[in-house]
C-alpha atoms as a PDB file:
ATOM      1  CA  MET A   1       0.000   0.000   0.000  1.00  0.00           C
ATOM      2  CA  PRO A   2       1.417   3.424  -0.915  1.00  0.00           C
ATOM      3  CA  HIS A   3       2.125   5.928   1.825  1.00  0.00           C
ATOM      4  CA  LYS A   4      -0.527   8.572   2.379  1.00  0.00           C
ATOM      5  CA  ILE A   5       0.657  12.064   3.252  1.00  0.00           C
ATOM      6  CA  LEU A   6      -1.246  15.044   4.619  1.00  0.00           C
ATOM      7  CA  PHE A   7       0.649  18.178   3.621  1.00  0.00           C
ATOM      8  CA  ASP A   8       0.660  21.596   5.179  1.00  0.00           C
ATOM      9  CA  PRO A   9      -0.923  24.021   2.679  1.00  0.00           C
ATOM     10  CA  ARG A  10       2.334  26.003   2.394  1.00  0.00           C
ATOM     11  CA  VAL A  11       4.028  23.014   0.711  1.00  0.00           C
ATOM     12  CA  LYS A  12       2.305  23.813  -2.603  1.00  0.00           C
ATOM     13  CA  GLU A  13       4.257  27.056  -2.836  1.00  0.00           C
ATOM     14  CA  LEU A  14       7.424  26.363  -0.835  1.00  0.00           C
ATOM     15  CA  LEU A  15       8.214  22.737  -1.741  1.00  0.00           C
ATOM     16  CA  PRO A  16       6.173  21.652  -4.811  1.00  0.00           C
ATOM     17  CA  GLU A  17       8.610  18.811  -5.561  1.00  0.00           C
ATOM     18  CA  ALA A  18       7.348  17.069  -2.409  1.00  0.00           C
ATOM     19  CA  LEU A  19       3.919  16.831  -4.036  1.00  0.00           C
ATOM     20  CA  GLU A  20       5.461  15.297  -7.152  1.00  0.00           C
ATOM     21  CA  ASP A  21       7.416  12.797  -5.046  1.00  0.00           C
ATOM     22  CA  ALA A  22       4.203  11.750  -3.262  1.00  0.00           C
ATOM     23  CA  LYS A  23       2.879  10.514  -6.646  1.00  0.00           C
ATOM     24  CA  GLY A  24      -0.709  11.561  -5.968  1.00  0.00           C
ATOM     25  CA  HIS A  25      -1.028   9.831  -2.604  1.00  0.00           C
ATOM     26  CA  TYR A  26      -1.458  13.064  -0.691  1.00  0.00           C
ATOM     27  CA  ARG A  27      -3.989  15.590   0.432  1.00  0.00           C
ATOM     28  CA  ILE A  28      -3.564  19.200   1.494  1.00  0.00           C
ATOM     29  CA  LEU A  29      -4.757  20.437   4.865  1.00  0.00           C
ATOM     30  CA  PRO A  30      -6.913  23.582   4.836  1.00  0.00           C
ATOM     31  CA  GLN A  31      -4.963  26.819   5.424  1.00  0.00           C
ATOM     32  CA  GLU A  32      -6.534  27.356   8.852  1.00  0.00           C
ATOM     33  CA  TYR A  33      -4.912  24.090  10.026  1.00  0.00           C
ATOM     34  CA  ALA A  34      -1.317  24.929   9.044  1.00  0.00           C
ATOM     35  CA  THR A  35       1.125  24.125  11.869  1.00  0.00           C
ATOM     36  CA  PRO A  36       4.877  23.933  12.511  1.00  0.00           C
ATOM     37  CA  GLY A  37       4.464  20.298  13.552  1.00  0.00           C
ATOM     38  CA  LEU A  38       4.749  16.979  11.790  1.00  0.00           C
ATOM     39  CA  VAL A  39       3.644  13.483  12.802  1.00  0.00           C
ATOM     40  CA  ASP A  40       4.930  10.251  11.266  1.00  0.00           C
ATOM     41  CA  ILE A  41       3.122   6.993  12.061  1.00  0.00           C
ATOM     42  CA  PHE A  42       4.624   3.625  11.165  1.00  0.00           C
ATOM     43  CA  GLY A  43       4.251   0.214  12.750  1.00  0.00           C
ATOM     44  CA  ASP A  44       3.935   0.703  16.504  1.00  0.00           C
ATOM     45  CA  TYR A  45       5.714   4.076  16.374  1.00  0.00           C
ATOM     46  CA  VAL A  46       4.472   7.652  16.486  1.00  0.00           C
ATOM     47  CA  VAL A  47       7.153  10.278  15.862  1.00  0.00           C
ATOM     48  CA  THR A  48       6.255  13.910  16.477  1.00  0.00           C
ATOM     49  CA  PHE A  49       8.419  16.789  15.245  1.00  0.00           C
ATOM     50  CA  VAL A  50       7.859  20.303  16.588  1.00  0.00           C
ATOM     51  CA  SER A  51       9.240  23.545  15.103  1.00  0.00           C
ATOM     52  CA  ILE A  52      10.034  22.031  11.741  1.00  0.00           C
ATOM     53  CA  GLY A  53      10.087  24.213   8.636  1.00  0.00           C
ATOM     54  CA  ILE A  54       8.848  23.447   5.155  1.00  0.00           C
ATOM     55  CA  GLY A  55      11.685  21.487   3.570  1.00  0.00           C
ATOM     56  CA  ASN A  56      14.115  21.797   6.471  1.00  0.00           C
ATOM     57  CA  VAL A  57      14.763  20.799  10.051  1.00  0.00           C
ATOM     58  CA  GLY A  58      16.121  23.709  12.057  1.00  0.00           C
ATOM     59  CA  GLU A  59      18.376  23.683  15.081  1.00  0.00           C
ATOM     60  CA  GLU A  60      15.456  24.197  17.470  1.00  0.00           C
ATOM     61  CA  VAL A  61      13.462  21.128  16.428  1.00  0.00           C
ATOM     62  CA  THR A  62      12.058  18.857  19.143  1.00  0.00           C
ATOM     63  CA  ILE A  63      11.360  15.205  18.345  1.00  0.00           C
ATOM     64  CA  PHE A  64       9.266  12.789  20.397  1.00  0.00           C
ATOM     65  CA  VAL A  65       9.443   9.070  19.565  1.00  0.00           C
ATOM     66  CA  MET A  66       6.745   6.894  21.105  1.00  0.00           C
ATOM     67  CA  LYS A  67       6.412   3.154  20.674  1.00  0.00           C
ATOM     68  CA  ASN A  68       3.030   1.821  21.669  1.00  0.00           C
ATOM     69  CA  LYS A  69       0.720  -0.271  19.504  1.00  0.00           C
ATOM     70  CA  GLU A  70      -2.514   1.194  20.886  1.00  0.00           C
ATOM     71  CA  LEU A  71      -1.243   4.752  20.559  1.00  0.00           C
ATOM     72  CA  ALA A  72      -0.098   4.159  16.969  1.00  0.00           C
ATOM     73  CA  GLU A  73      -3.471   2.627  16.086  1.00  0.00           C
ATOM     74  CA  SER A  74      -5.232   5.651  17.615  1.00  0.00           C
ATOM     75  CA  TYR A  75      -3.105   8.051  15.576  1.00  0.00           C
ATOM     76  CA  LYS A  76      -3.804   6.009  12.429  1.00  0.00           C
ATOM     77  CA  THR A  77      -7.541   6.264  13.105  1.00  0.00           C
ATOM     78  CA  TRP A  78      -7.288  10.043  13.552  1.00  0.00           C
ATOM     79  CA  PHE A  79      -5.136  10.317  10.423  1.00  0.00           C
ATOM     80  CA  ASN A  80      -7.736   8.428   8.389  1.00  0.00           C
ATOM     81  CA  PHE A  81     -10.498  10.713   9.673  1.00  0.00           C
ATOM     82  CA  ILE A  82      -8.521  13.789   8.623  1.00  0.00           C
ATOM     83  CA  TRP A  83      -7.630  12.155   5.280  1.00  0.00           C
ATOM     84  CA  ASP A  84     -11.302  11.467   4.570  1.00  0.00           C
ATOM     85  CA  HIS A  85     -12.177  15.113   5.247  1.00  0.00           C
ATOM     86  CA  CYS A  86      -9.448  16.771   3.158  1.00  0.00           C
ATOM     87  CA  LYS A  87      -9.832  17.619  -0.499  1.00  0.00           C
ATOM     88  CA  LYS A  88      -8.111  15.464  -3.092  1.00  0.00           C
END
């Protein structure tokens, strides 16, 4: 199954090559939900990045790595809800 990515709306302007690399398996969050955070969910892991820029990781970034099956499944459920409510 291809990865699904929810992009910050600023990616369209600041990093359009990321959209091309996603090969159509992405959606764009509405502008009012733009944030400086990023969440990656894989297996039993949830990795949260705070203070990350579009296309770069600055010196002030904070990263949380959590390994918990139930937590990862919860995040996947929330991700799918958001995915279903974002425009294609």
